[in-house]
Amino acid sequence: SKDFEVLKERFNQIIKDKVNILIDTLNHQKEVLTSLDPKEVLKRGYAYITIEDKLIKSTNDVKKNDIVKITLHDGELISEVKEVKKNG
């Protein structure tokens, strides 16, 4: 019947709309997760510094003459600390 066909079409459209909304949501979540990926963060110009595989989070973690490894998106730098300057 005609009513059934109309209902069927409306139902199909509602399902398509819902699926499209879910796809958009998933794509947005993927973009957010990708932007937080440590490798992607490094590509934006950030680096992290370690001493003997211990992450350096503060000037208190290093002293003059320490050898540090600076990790960039395309490799590593090995460097000697010449001076430690604290804020304030």
Protein backbone atom coordinates (compact mmCIF):
# COMPACT_ATOMS: atom_id res chain seq x y z
CA SER A 1 0.00 0.00 0.00
CA LYS A 2 0.95 3.62 -0.47
CA ASP A 3 1.05 4.35 3.28
CA PHE A 4 3.44 1.50 3.82
CA GLU A 5 5.76 2.73 1.08
CA VAL A 6 5.75 6.26 2.54
CA LEU A 7 6.55 4.90 6.00
CA LYS A 8 9.25 2.68 4.57
CA GLU A 9 10.88 5.62 2.78
CA ARG A 10 10.73 7.80 5.91
CA PHE A 11 12.22 5.00 7.98
CA ASN A 12 15.02 4.47 5.47
CA GLN A 13 15.79 8.21 5.45
CA ILE A 14 15.87 8.34 9.25
CA ILE A 15 18.28 5.39 9.32
CA LYS A 16 20.52 7.01 6.66
CA ASP A 17 20.55 10.28 8.62
CA LYS A 18 21.44 8.48 11.85
CA VAL A 19 24.25 6.55 10.16
CA ASN A 20 25.64 9.78 8.66
CA ILE A 21 25.58 11.45 12.07
CA LEU A 22 27.42 8.48 13.59
CA ILE A 23 30.01 8.53 10.78
CA ASP A 24 30.59 12.28 11.32
CA THR A 25 30.96 11.72 15.06
CA LEU A 26 33.45 8.90 14.54
CA ASN A 27 35.46 10.97 12.05
CA HIS A 28 35.63 13.86 14.52
CA GLN A 29 36.75 11.53 17.32
CA LYS A 30 39.40 10.06 15.02
CA GLU A 31 40.72 13.56 14.26
CA VAL A 32 40.88 14.39 17.98
CA LEU A 33 42.70 11.15 18.79
CA THR A 34 45.11 11.63 15.88
CA SER A 35 45.94 15.16 17.04
CA LEU A 36 46.78 13.80 20.51
CA ASP A 37 49.01 11.01 19.18
CA PRO A 38 52.51 11.68 20.58
CA LYS A 39 54.06 11.26 17.12
CA GLU A 40 51.69 13.89 15.71
CA VAL A 41 52.51 16.25 18.59
CA LEU A 42 56.21 15.88 17.80
CA LYS A 43 55.52 16.72 14.14
CA ARG A 44 54.05 20.06 15.29
CA GLY A 45 57.44 21.08 16.67
CA TYR A 46 57.40 19.69 20.17
CA ALA A 47 60.08 17.50 21.68
CA TYR A 48 60.62 15.52 24.84
CA ILE A 49 63.78 15.18 26.86
CA THR A 50 65.04 12.16 28.78
CA ILE A 51 68.02 11.16 30.87
CA GLU A 52 68.60 7.41 30.79
CA ASP A 53 65.03 6.89 29.54
CA LYS A 54 63.55 8.94 32.42
CA LEU A 55 61.32 11.76 31.19
CA ILE A 56 62.47 15.22 32.25
CA LYS A 57 59.55 17.29 33.52
CA SER A 58 61.34 19.97 35.51
CA THR A 59 64.63 21.84 35.79
CA ASN A 60 64.93 20.00 39.10
CA ASP A 61 65.40 16.77 37.13
CA VAL A 62 68.68 17.90 35.53
CA LYS A 63 71.97 19.40 36.55
CA LYS A 64 74.92 20.96 34.77
CA ASN A 65 76.90 18.49 32.64
CA ASP A 66 74.06 15.92 32.48
CA ILE A 67 73.77 14.20 29.11
CA VAL A 68 70.20 14.41 27.83
CA LYS A 69 68.43 12.87 24.86
CA ILE A 70 66.07 15.20 23.00
CA THR A 71 63.52 13.32 20.89
CA LEU A 72 62.05 15.07 17.84
CA HIS A 73 59.66 13.71 15.22
CA ASP A 74 62.51 12.79 12.87
CA GLY A 75 65.23 11.67 15.26
CA GLU A 76 67.11 12.34 18.44
CA LEU A 77 69.72 14.78 19.69
CA ILE A 78 72.23 13.97 22.41
CA SER A 79 73.22 17.06 24.32
CA GLU A 80 75.13 18.13 27.40
CA VAL A 81 73.45 20.54 29.80
CA LYS A 82 75.61 23.66 30.04
CA GLU A 83 73.44 25.56 32.50
CA VAL A 84 70.17 25.13 34.38
CA LYS A 85 68.06 28.29 34.69
CA LYS A 86 64.95 28.20 36.85
CA ASN A 87 61.96 30.51 36.41
CA GLY A 88 61.42 33.16 39.01
